[in-house]
Amino acid sequence: MALKRKSYKQISALNLAIFLTFTMIWLLSYMKPVFTSFLKENDLFYGTVSFIAIPSIFGNTNIPFFDKQMFNINNDKEAEFHLYLSRNHKLDMMEWFKWWDTETQTPVPMEIKAARINKNVWIVKELTTINGSVSEEAINDYHLRIAFWGILIEASLLFSSIYFIRFFLRQNPL
């Protein structure tokens, strides 16, 4: 009876280690754009929004790395901008920022500073319109904060996965 119990523990530990490893890789894929943007120079863009998307799965959840807005400017479908903001920044931004001017029925002109992370994707570092702006310092502070927490979560997943792999290897086989 004791041998069967050990084999269940052993298999459970292995399954948990595999699950934690895949979760770690999945989370790293969501964090990679923000990490990459720290190492890149900012480019300056002027234009109006032609398309905006808020992912429906994680939209407005205030979960870092998942909660983002994606948009294109000047009808350029090849250039996609990702805007990562905290809920507080979004609430402040809602007071002055509109993607579309309801009075003139035209898109709002804006100035965007963004870091290019690959051929078609930029991470927004600063956003300015006639009515207001979100500063580069505020966005960078948020990106650094979520990067710090992301690294802590990644480290805890890594150490947990290593612990369960070691537990699996220490158990005596049947």
N, C-alpha and C. Protein backbone atom coordinates (compact mmCIF):
# COMPACT_ATOMS: atom_id res chain seq x y z
N MET A 1 0.82 -1.19 0.00
CA MET A 1 0.00 0.00 0.00
C MET A 1 0.87 1.26 0.00
N ALA A 2 1.97 1.25 0.74
CA ALA A 2 2.85 2.41 0.83
C ALA A 2 3.54 2.69 -0.51
N LEU A 3 3.83 1.61 -1.26
CA LEU A 3 4.47 1.81 -2.55
C LEU A 3 3.55 2.54 -3.52
N LYS A 4 2.27 2.21 -3.53
CA LYS A 4 1.34 2.89 -4.43
C LYS A 4 1.22 4.36 -4.06
N ARG A 5 1.20 4.64 -2.79
CA ARG A 5 1.07 6.03 -2.34
C ARG A 5 2.27 6.85 -2.79
N LYS A 6 3.46 6.27 -2.70
CA LYS A 6 4.65 6.97 -3.17
C LYS A 6 4.59 7.20 -4.67
N SER A 7 4.09 6.27 -5.42
CA SER A 7 4.03 6.45 -6.86
C SER A 7 3.04 7.57 -7.22
N TYR A 8 1.94 7.70 -6.48
CA TYR A 8 1.01 8.80 -6.73
C TYR A 8 1.67 10.14 -6.42
N LYS A 9 2.41 10.18 -5.33
CA LYS A 9 3.11 11.41 -4.97
C LYS A 9 4.14 11.76 -6.03
N GLN A 10 4.83 10.73 -6.51
CA GLN A 10 5.87 10.93 -7.51
C GLN A 10 5.27 11.46 -8.82
N ILE A 11 4.20 10.86 -9.27
CA ILE A 11 3.55 11.29 -10.50
C ILE A 11 2.94 12.68 -10.34
N SER A 12 2.35 12.93 -9.20
CA SER A 12 1.77 14.25 -8.94
C SER A 12 2.84 15.34 -8.94
N ALA A 13 3.98 15.05 -8.34
CA ALA A 13 5.08 16.02 -8.31
C ALA A 13 5.58 16.30 -9.73
N LEU A 14 5.70 15.27 -10.54
CA LEU A 14 6.14 15.46 -11.92
C LEU A 14 5.13 16.28 -12.71
N ASN A 15 3.86 15.94 -12.57
CA ASN A 15 2.81 16.70 -13.26
C ASN A 15 2.79 18.16 -12.84
N LEU A 16 2.94 18.42 -11.58
CA LEU A 16 2.96 19.79 -11.08
C LEU A 16 4.18 20.54 -11.59
N ALA A 17 5.32 19.89 -11.65
CA ALA A 17 6.53 20.52 -12.18
C ALA A 17 6.35 20.88 -13.66
N ILE A 18 5.76 19.98 -14.42
CA ILE A 18 5.51 20.26 -15.85
C ILE A 18 4.53 21.41 -16.00
N PHE A 19 3.46 21.41 -15.22
CA PHE A 19 2.47 22.48 -15.28
C PHE A 19 3.10 23.84 -14.93
N LEU A 20 3.90 23.88 -13.88
CA LEU A 20 4.55 25.13 -13.48
C LEU A 20 5.53 25.62 -14.54
N THR A 21 6.22 24.69 -15.19
CA THR A 21 7.15 25.06 -16.25
C THR A 21 6.42 25.67 -17.44
N PHE A 22 5.32 25.04 -17.85
CA PHE A 22 4.54 25.60 -18.96
C PHE A 22 3.92 26.95 -18.59
N THR A 23 3.46 27.09 -17.36
CA THR A 23 2.92 28.37 -16.91
C THR A 23 4.00 29.45 -16.93
N MET A 24 5.20 29.08 -16.53
CA MET A 24 6.31 30.02 -16.53
C MET A 24 6.64 30.47 -17.96
N ILE A 25 6.66 29.55 -18.90
CA ILE A 25 6.95 29.89 -20.30
C ILE A 25 5.83 30.75 -20.88
N TRP A 26 4.58 30.42 -20.60
CA TRP A 26 3.43 31.18 -21.09
C TRP A 26 3.47 32.61 -20.55
N LEU A 27 3.73 32.76 -19.27
CA LEU A 27 3.80 34.09 -18.67
C LEU A 27 4.97 34.88 -19.23
N LEU A 28 6.09 34.24 -19.45
CA LEU A 28 7.25 34.92 -20.02
C LEU A 28 6.94 35.45 -21.43
N SER A 29 6.15 34.71 -22.19
CA SER A 29 5.79 35.17 -23.54
C SER A 29 4.93 36.44 -23.47
N TYR A 30 4.12 36.60 -22.42
CA TYR A 30 3.34 37.82 -22.25
C TYR A 30 4.20 38.98 -21.75
N MET A 31 5.24 38.67 -21.00
CA MET A 31 6.09 39.71 -20.43
C MET A 31 7.17 40.19 -21.39
N LYS A 32 7.51 39.38 -22.36
CA LYS A 32 8.63 39.68 -23.26
C LYS A 32 8.54 41.04 -23.95
N PRO A 33 7.38 41.47 -24.48
CA PRO A 33 7.34 42.78 -25.14
C PRO A 33 7.73 43.94 -24.22
N VAL A 34 7.27 43.92 -23.00
CA VAL A 34 7.60 45.01 -22.08
C VAL A 34 9.08 44.97 -21.73
N PHE A 35 9.62 43.78 -21.49
CA PHE A 35 11.05 43.67 -21.19
C PHE A 35 11.90 44.15 -22.37
N THR A 36 11.50 43.78 -23.58
CA THR A 36 12.24 44.18 -24.77
C THR A 36 12.21 45.69 -24.96
N SER A 37 11.09 46.31 -24.61
CA SER A 37 10.96 47.76 -24.81
C SER A 37 11.93 48.56 -23.95
N PHE A 38 12.42 48.00 -22.85
CA PHE A 38 13.39 48.71 -22.01
C PHE A 38 14.73 48.91 -22.72
N LEU A 39 15.04 48.03 -23.65
CA LEU A 39 16.34 48.04 -24.30
C LEU A 39 16.35 48.79 -25.63
N LYS A 40 15.19 49.27 -26.07
CA LYS A 40 15.08 49.89 -27.38
C LYS A 40 14.95 51.40 -27.28
N GLU A 41 15.36 52.08 -28.36
CA GLU A 41 15.19 53.53 -28.45
C GLU A 41 13.76 53.86 -28.83
N ASN A 42 13.30 55.04 -28.38
CA ASN A 42 11.94 55.47 -28.71
C ASN A 42 11.90 56.15 -30.07
N ASP A 43 10.84 55.88 -30.82
CA ASP A 43 10.56 56.56 -32.07
C ASP A 43 9.37 57.49 -31.85
N LEU A 44 9.26 58.53 -32.65
CA LEU A 44 8.19 59.50 -32.51
C LEU A 44 7.25 59.39 -33.70
N PHE A 45 5.95 59.32 -33.42
CA PHE A 45 4.92 59.19 -34.46
C PHE A 45 3.86 60.26 -34.27
N TYR A 46 3.30 60.71 -35.38
CA TYR A 46 2.17 61.64 -35.37
C TYR A 46 1.07 61.02 -36.20
N GLY A 47 -0.18 61.16 -35.75
CA GLY A 47 -1.27 60.65 -36.57
C GLY A 47 -2.56 60.53 -35.81
N THR A 48 -3.50 59.89 -36.46
CA THR A 48 -4.81 59.63 -35.86
C THR A 48 -5.05 58.13 -35.85
N VAL A 49 -5.83 57.69 -34.90
CA VAL A 49 -6.10 56.26 -34.75
C VAL A 49 -7.04 55.79 -35.86
N SER A 50 -6.65 54.73 -36.51
CA SER A 50 -7.50 54.15 -37.55
C SER A 50 -8.15 52.84 -37.09
N PHE A 51 -7.59 52.22 -36.06
CA PHE A 51 -8.12 50.96 -35.55
C PHE A 51 -7.69 50.82 -34.10
N ILE A 52 -8.58 50.35 -33.24
CA ILE A 52 -8.23 50.08 -31.85
C ILE A 52 -8.87 48.76 -31.43
N ALA A 53 -8.14 48.00 -30.64
CA ALA A 53 -8.64 46.72 -30.13
C ALA A 53 -8.25 46.58 -28.67
N ILE A 54 -9.18 46.11 -27.89
CA ILE A 54 -8.92 45.77 -26.49
C ILE A 54 -9.23 44.28 -26.38
N PRO A 55 -8.21 43.46 -26.10
CA PRO A 55 -8.45 42.01 -26.04
C PRO A 55 -9.59 41.69 -25.07
N SER A 56 -10.53 40.87 -25.52
CA SER A 56 -11.73 40.62 -24.73
C SER A 56 -11.48 39.70 -23.54
N ILE A 57 -10.48 38.85 -23.62
CA ILE A 57 -10.23 37.91 -22.53
C ILE A 57 -9.74 38.64 -21.29
N PHE A 58 -8.78 39.55 -21.46
CA PHE A 58 -8.19 40.22 -20.32
C PHE A 58 -8.47 41.72 -20.31
N GLY A 59 -9.36 42.22 -21.13
CA GLY A 59 -9.62 43.65 -21.19
C GLY A 59 -10.21 44.18 -19.90
N ASN A 60 -9.69 45.30 -19.43
CA ASN A 60 -10.15 45.99 -18.22
C ASN A 60 -10.11 45.13 -16.96
N THR A 61 -9.14 44.27 -16.84
CA THR A 61 -9.01 43.44 -15.64
C THR A 61 -7.96 43.98 -14.69
N ASN A 62 -7.14 44.89 -15.16
CA ASN A 62 -6.03 45.45 -14.38
C ASN A 62 -4.99 44.39 -14.05
N ILE A 63 -4.85 43.38 -14.89
CA ILE A 63 -3.81 42.37 -14.75
C ILE A 63 -2.64 42.80 -15.62
N PRO A 64 -1.50 43.11 -15.01
CA PRO A 64 -0.34 43.55 -15.82
C PRO A 64 0.02 42.52 -16.89
N PHE A 65 0.56 43.01 -17.98
CA PHE A 65 0.98 42.24 -19.15
C PHE A 65 -0.19 41.74 -19.99
N PHE A 66 -1.35 41.49 -19.39
CA PHE A 66 -2.50 40.99 -20.14
C PHE A 66 -3.41 42.13 -20.58
N ASP A 67 -3.58 43.12 -19.73
CA ASP A 67 -4.51 44.21 -19.96
C ASP A 67 -3.82 45.29 -20.79
N LYS A 68 -4.08 45.31 -22.08
CA LYS A 68 -3.44 46.27 -22.96
C LYS A 68 -4.44 46.73 -24.01
N GLN A 69 -4.11 47.84 -24.63
CA GLN A 69 -4.88 48.33 -25.76
C GLN A 69 -3.96 48.31 -26.97
N MET A 70 -4.47 47.82 -28.08
CA MET A 70 -3.69 47.76 -29.31
C MET A 70 -4.36 48.66 -30.33
N PHE A 71 -3.56 49.44 -31.04
CA PHE A 71 -4.14 50.33 -32.04
C PHE A 71 -3.19 50.56 -33.19
N ASN A 72 -3.76 51.00 -34.30
CA ASN A 72 -3.00 51.38 -35.49
C ASN A 72 -3.27 52.86 -35.75
N ILE A 73 -2.33 53.53 -36.39
CA ILE A 73 -2.54 54.93 -36.74
C ILE A 73 -2.38 55.12 -38.24
N ASN A 74 -3.02 56.15 -38.74
CA ASN A 74 -2.90 56.58 -40.15
C ASN A 74 -3.17 55.46 -41.15
N ASN A 75 -4.11 54.60 -40.84
CA ASN A 75 -4.49 53.48 -41.72
C ASN A 75 -3.33 52.55 -42.07
N ASP A 76 -2.31 52.53 -41.25
CA ASP A 76 -1.16 51.65 -41.46
C ASP A 76 -1.41 50.35 -40.70
N LYS A 77 -1.79 49.31 -41.41
CA LYS A 77 -2.11 48.03 -40.78
C LYS A 77 -0.86 47.23 -40.43
N GLU A 78 0.28 47.69 -40.89
CA GLU A 78 1.53 46.99 -40.61
C GLU A 78 2.15 47.42 -39.27
N ALA A 79 1.76 48.56 -38.75
CA ALA A 79 2.32 49.07 -37.50
C ALA A 79 1.28 48.98 -36.40
N GLU A 80 1.57 48.18 -35.39
CA GLU A 80 0.65 47.98 -34.28
C GLU A 80 1.28 48.52 -33.00
N PHE A 81 0.54 49.35 -32.28
CA PHE A 81 1.01 49.95 -31.04
C PHE A 81 0.30 49.28 -29.87
N HIS A 82 1.06 48.94 -28.83
CA HIS A 82 0.50 48.34 -27.62
C HIS A 82 0.67 49.33 -26.48
N LEU A 83 -0.43 49.61 -25.80
CA LEU A 83 -0.43 50.54 -24.68
C LEU A 83 -0.77 49.78 -23.41
N TYR A 84 0.21 49.70 -22.50
CA TYR A 84 0.03 49.05 -21.20
C TYR A 84 -0.09 50.15 -20.16
N LEU A 85 -1.23 50.21 -19.48
CA LEU A 85 -1.44 51.21 -18.44
C LEU A 85 -2.12 50.57 -17.24
N SER A 86 -1.90 51.15 -16.07
CA SER A 86 -2.59 50.69 -14.88
C SER A 86 -4.03 51.20 -14.91
N ARG A 87 -4.86 50.64 -14.07
CA ARG A 87 -6.26 51.08 -14.01
C ARG A 87 -6.36 52.55 -13.62
N ASN A 88 -5.51 53.00 -12.69
CA ASN A 88 -5.54 54.42 -12.28
C ASN A 88 -5.20 55.34 -13.43
N HIS A 89 -4.17 54.97 -14.22
CA HIS A 89 -3.82 55.78 -15.38
C HIS A 89 -4.95 55.80 -16.39
N LYS A 90 -5.61 54.66 -16.57
CA LYS A 90 -6.71 54.61 -17.53
C LYS A 90 -7.87 55.49 -17.07
N LEU A 91 -8.17 55.46 -15.78
CA LEU A 91 -9.25 56.29 -15.26
C LEU A 91 -8.92 57.78 -15.42
N ASP A 92 -7.68 58.16 -15.12
CA ASP A 92 -7.26 59.55 -15.33
C ASP A 92 -7.31 59.92 -16.81
N MET A 93 -6.91 59.00 -17.63
CA MET A 93 -6.87 59.25 -19.07
C MET A 93 -8.27 59.38 -19.65
N MET A 94 -9.24 58.67 -19.09
CA MET A 94 -10.61 58.72 -19.60
C MET A 94 -11.21 60.12 -19.45
N GLU A 95 -10.71 60.90 -18.50
CA GLU A 95 -11.23 62.25 -18.28
C GLU A 95 -10.89 63.19 -19.43
N TRP A 96 -9.75 63.01 -20.07
CA TRP A 96 -9.32 63.94 -21.11
C TRP A 96 -9.13 63.30 -22.48
N PHE A 97 -8.98 61.99 -22.53
CA PHE A 97 -8.60 61.35 -23.79
C PHE A 97 -9.79 60.65 -24.43
N LYS A 98 -9.96 60.86 -25.70
CA LYS A 98 -10.94 60.13 -26.52
C LYS A 98 -10.23 59.70 -27.80
N TRP A 99 -10.51 58.48 -28.23
CA TRP A 99 -9.94 58.00 -29.48
C TRP A 99 -10.63 58.68 -30.67
N TRP A 100 -11.88 59.09 -30.44
CA TRP A 100 -12.70 59.66 -31.52
C TRP A 100 -13.38 60.92 -30.99
N ASP A 101 -13.29 62.03 -31.72
CA ASP A 101 -13.94 63.28 -31.33
C ASP A 101 -15.40 63.23 -31.78
N THR A 102 -16.32 63.20 -30.83
CA THR A 102 -17.74 63.06 -31.16
C THR A 102 -18.32 64.34 -31.77
N GLU A 103 -17.73 65.49 -31.49
CA GLU A 103 -18.26 66.75 -32.03
C GLU A 103 -17.94 66.89 -33.52
N THR A 104 -16.71 66.62 -33.90
CA THR A 104 -16.32 66.77 -35.31
C THR A 104 -16.40 65.48 -36.10
N GLN A 105 -16.67 64.37 -35.42
CA GLN A 105 -16.75 63.04 -36.05
C GLN A 105 -15.45 62.67 -36.78
N THR A 106 -14.32 62.99 -36.14
CA THR A 106 -13.01 62.65 -36.70
C THR A 106 -12.14 62.04 -35.61
N PRO A 107 -11.16 61.25 -36.01
CA PRO A 107 -10.22 60.73 -35.01
C PRO A 107 -9.39 61.86 -34.41
N VAL A 108 -9.00 61.70 -33.16
CA VAL A 108 -8.22 62.71 -32.46
C VAL A 108 -6.75 62.60 -32.86
N PRO A 109 -6.13 63.72 -33.28
CA PRO A 109 -4.70 63.66 -33.61
C PRO A 109 -3.86 63.48 -32.34
N MET A 110 -2.78 62.74 -32.46
CA MET A 110 -1.93 62.48 -31.29
C MET A 110 -0.48 62.34 -31.68
N GLU A 111 0.34 62.48 -30.66
CA GLU A 111 1.79 62.27 -30.78
C GLU A 111 2.11 61.07 -29.90
N ILE A 112 2.86 60.13 -30.46
CA ILE A 112 3.17 58.89 -29.75
C ILE A 112 4.67 58.67 -29.75
N LYS A 113 5.22 58.43 -28.57
CA LYS A 113 6.59 57.93 -28.45
C LYS A 113 6.48 56.46 -28.14
N ALA A 114 7.18 55.64 -28.92
CA ALA A 114 7.07 54.20 -28.75
C ALA A 114 8.40 53.52 -29.06
N ALA A 115 8.61 52.39 -28.39
CA ALA A 115 9.82 51.58 -28.61
C ALA A 115 9.45 50.41 -29.51
N ARG A 116 10.22 50.24 -30.56
CA ARG A 116 9.98 49.15 -31.51
C ARG A 116 10.53 47.86 -30.93
N ILE A 117 9.66 46.84 -30.81
CA ILE A 117 10.12 45.57 -30.25
C ILE A 117 10.27 44.49 -31.30
N ASN A 118 9.61 44.63 -32.43
CA ASN A 118 9.87 43.77 -33.59
C ASN A 118 9.42 44.51 -34.84
N LYS A 119 9.37 43.82 -35.96
CA LYS A 119 9.13 44.49 -37.24
C LYS A 119 7.85 45.34 -37.25
N ASN A 120 6.77 44.86 -36.67
CA ASN A 120 5.48 45.54 -36.77
C ASN A 120 4.89 46.00 -35.44
N VAL A 121 5.57 45.81 -34.33
CA VAL A 121 4.97 46.11 -33.02
C VAL A 121 5.81 47.12 -32.26
N TRP A 122 5.13 48.13 -31.71
CA TRP A 122 5.75 49.14 -30.86
C TRP A 122 5.04 49.15 -29.52
N ILE A 123 5.80 49.39 -28.45
CA ILE A 123 5.24 49.57 -27.11
C ILE A 123 5.20 51.08 -26.84
N VAL A 124 4.02 51.59 -26.54
CA VAL A 124 3.83 53.03 -26.31
C VAL A 124 4.51 53.44 -25.01
N LYS A 125 5.34 54.50 -25.10
CA LYS A 125 6.04 55.04 -23.94
C LYS A 125 5.50 56.41 -23.52
N GLU A 126 4.85 57.11 -24.44
CA GLU A 126 4.25 58.40 -24.13
C GLU A 126 3.16 58.68 -25.15
N LEU A 127 2.07 59.28 -24.69
CA LEU A 127 0.95 59.57 -25.56
C LEU A 127 0.47 60.99 -25.27
N THR A 128 0.40 61.83 -26.32
CA THR A 128 0.02 63.23 -26.15
C THR A 128 -1.03 63.61 -27.17
N THR A 129 -2.08 64.30 -26.71
CA THR A 129 -3.09 64.87 -27.59
C THR A 129 -3.24 66.35 -27.24
N ILE A 130 -4.14 67.02 -27.92
CA ILE A 130 -4.40 68.44 -27.64
C ILE A 130 -4.94 68.62 -26.23
N ASN A 131 -5.70 67.65 -25.75
CA ASN A 131 -6.37 67.77 -24.45
C ASN A 131 -5.54 67.32 -23.25
N GLY A 132 -4.44 66.59 -23.47
CA GLY A 132 -3.63 66.11 -22.35
C GLY A 132 -2.62 65.09 -22.80
N SER A 133 -1.95 64.49 -21.81
CA SER A 133 -0.93 63.49 -22.14
C SER A 133 -0.72 62.52 -20.99
N VAL A 134 -0.14 61.40 -21.34
CA VAL A 134 0.35 60.43 -20.36
C VAL A 134 1.86 60.47 -20.51
N SER A 135 2.55 60.83 -19.44
CA SER A 135 3.99 61.07 -19.52
C SER A 135 4.78 59.78 -19.64
N GLU A 136 5.97 59.94 -20.19
CA GLU A 136 6.88 58.81 -20.32
C GLU A 136 7.30 58.28 -18.96
N GLU A 137 7.48 59.16 -18.00
CA GLU A 137 7.88 58.74 -16.65
C GLU A 137 6.80 57.87 -16.01
N ALA A 138 5.54 58.26 -16.16
CA ALA A 138 4.44 57.49 -15.56
C ALA A 138 4.35 56.11 -16.19
N ILE A 139 4.46 56.04 -17.51
CA ILE A 139 4.37 54.75 -18.20
C ILE A 139 5.59 53.89 -17.85
N ASN A 140 6.78 54.48 -17.84
CA ASN A 140 7.99 53.71 -17.49
C ASN A 140 7.93 53.21 -16.05
N ASP A 141 7.43 54.03 -15.13
CA ASP A 141 7.28 53.58 -13.74
C ASP A 141 6.37 52.36 -13.66
N TYR A 142 5.26 52.41 -14.38
CA TYR A 142 4.34 51.27 -14.39
C TYR A 142 5.00 50.04 -15.01
N HIS A 143 5.70 50.23 -16.13
CA HIS A 143 6.37 49.11 -16.79
C HIS A 143 7.44 48.50 -15.88
N LEU A 144 8.19 49.34 -15.18
CA LEU A 144 9.21 48.81 -14.26
C LEU A 144 8.57 48.05 -13.11
N ARG A 145 7.46 48.58 -12.59
CA ARG A 145 6.78 47.92 -11.47
C ARG A 145 6.24 46.55 -11.90
N ILE A 146 5.59 46.50 -13.07
CA ILE A 146 5.05 45.19 -13.49
C ILE A 146 6.17 44.24 -13.89
N ALA A 147 7.28 44.77 -14.39
CA ALA A 147 8.43 43.91 -14.71
C ALA A 147 9.01 43.31 -13.44
N PHE A 148 9.11 44.11 -12.38
CA PHE A 148 9.61 43.61 -11.10
C PHE A 148 8.72 42.48 -10.58
N TRP A 149 7.41 42.70 -10.57
CA TRP A 149 6.49 41.67 -10.08
C TRP A 149 6.51 40.45 -11.00
N GLY A 150 6.65 40.68 -12.29
CA GLY A 150 6.74 39.57 -13.23
C GLY A 150 7.96 38.70 -12.97
N ILE A 151 9.08 39.34 -12.69
CA ILE A 151 10.30 38.59 -12.39
C ILE A 151 10.14 37.81 -11.09
N LEU A 152 9.51 38.40 -10.10
CA LEU A 152 9.26 37.67 -8.84
C LEU A 152 8.37 36.45 -9.05
N ILE A 153 7.32 36.61 -9.84
CA ILE A 153 6.43 35.48 -10.13
C ILE A 153 7.18 34.41 -10.91
N GLU A 154 7.96 34.83 -11.91
CA GLU A 154 8.75 33.87 -12.69
C GLU A 154 9.73 33.11 -11.79
N ALA A 155 10.39 33.81 -10.89
CA ALA A 155 11.35 33.16 -9.98
C ALA A 155 10.64 32.16 -9.07
N SER A 156 9.48 32.53 -8.54
CA SER A 156 8.76 31.60 -7.66
C SER A 156 8.29 30.38 -8.44
N LEU A 157 7.85 30.57 -9.68
CA LEU A 157 7.46 29.41 -10.50
C LEU A 157 8.66 28.52 -10.80
N LEU A 158 9.81 29.13 -11.08
CA LEU A 158 11.01 28.36 -11.36
C LEU A 158 11.45 27.54 -10.15
N PHE A 159 11.50 28.19 -8.98
CA PHE A 159 11.93 27.46 -7.78
C PHE A 159 10.93 26.38 -7.39
N SER A 160 9.65 26.64 -7.57
CA SER A 160 8.64 25.62 -7.28
C SER A 160 8.78 24.44 -8.23
N SER A 161 9.00 24.72 -9.48
CA SER A 161 9.18 23.65 -10.46
C SER A 161 10.41 22.81 -10.13
N ILE A 162 11.51 23.47 -9.79
CA ILE A 162 12.73 22.74 -9.41
C ILE A 162 12.49 21.90 -8.16
N TYR A 163 11.76 22.45 -7.19
CA TYR A 163 11.45 21.71 -5.97
C TYR A 163 10.68 20.42 -6.30
N PHE A 164 9.66 20.52 -7.14
CA PHE A 164 8.86 19.34 -7.46
C PHE A 164 9.62 18.34 -8.32
N ILE A 165 10.52 18.81 -9.17
CA ILE A 165 11.36 17.89 -9.93
C ILE A 165 12.31 17.15 -8.99
N ARG A 166 12.89 17.87 -8.05
CA ARG A 166 13.77 17.21 -7.07
C ARG A 166 12.99 16.22 -6.22
N PHE A 167 11.76 16.59 -5.83
CA PHE A 167 10.91 15.67 -5.07
C PHE A 167 10.64 14.41 -5.89
N PHE A 168 10.36 14.58 -7.18
CA PHE A 168 10.12 13.45 -8.07
C PHE A 168 11.34 12.55 -8.15
N LEU A 169 12.51 13.14 -8.29
CA LEU A 169 13.75 12.35 -8.43
C LEU A 169 14.16 11.67 -7.13
N ARG A 170 13.81 12.25 -5.98
CA ARG A 170 14.19 11.65 -4.70
C ARG A 170 13.34 10.45 -4.32
N GLN A 171 12.15 10.34 -4.87
CA GLN A 171 11.27 9.22 -4.51
C GLN A 171 11.84 7.92 -5.06
N ASN A 172 11.69 6.89 -4.28
CA ASN A 172 12.17 5.57 -4.73
C ASN A 172 11.21 5.00 -5.76
N PRO A 173 11.75 4.50 -6.87
CA PRO A 173 10.86 3.88 -7.87
C PRO A 173 10.26 2.59 -7.34
N LEU A 174 9.16 2.19 -7.99
CA LEU A 174 8.50 0.95 -7.57
C LEU A 174 9.45 -0.18 -7.74
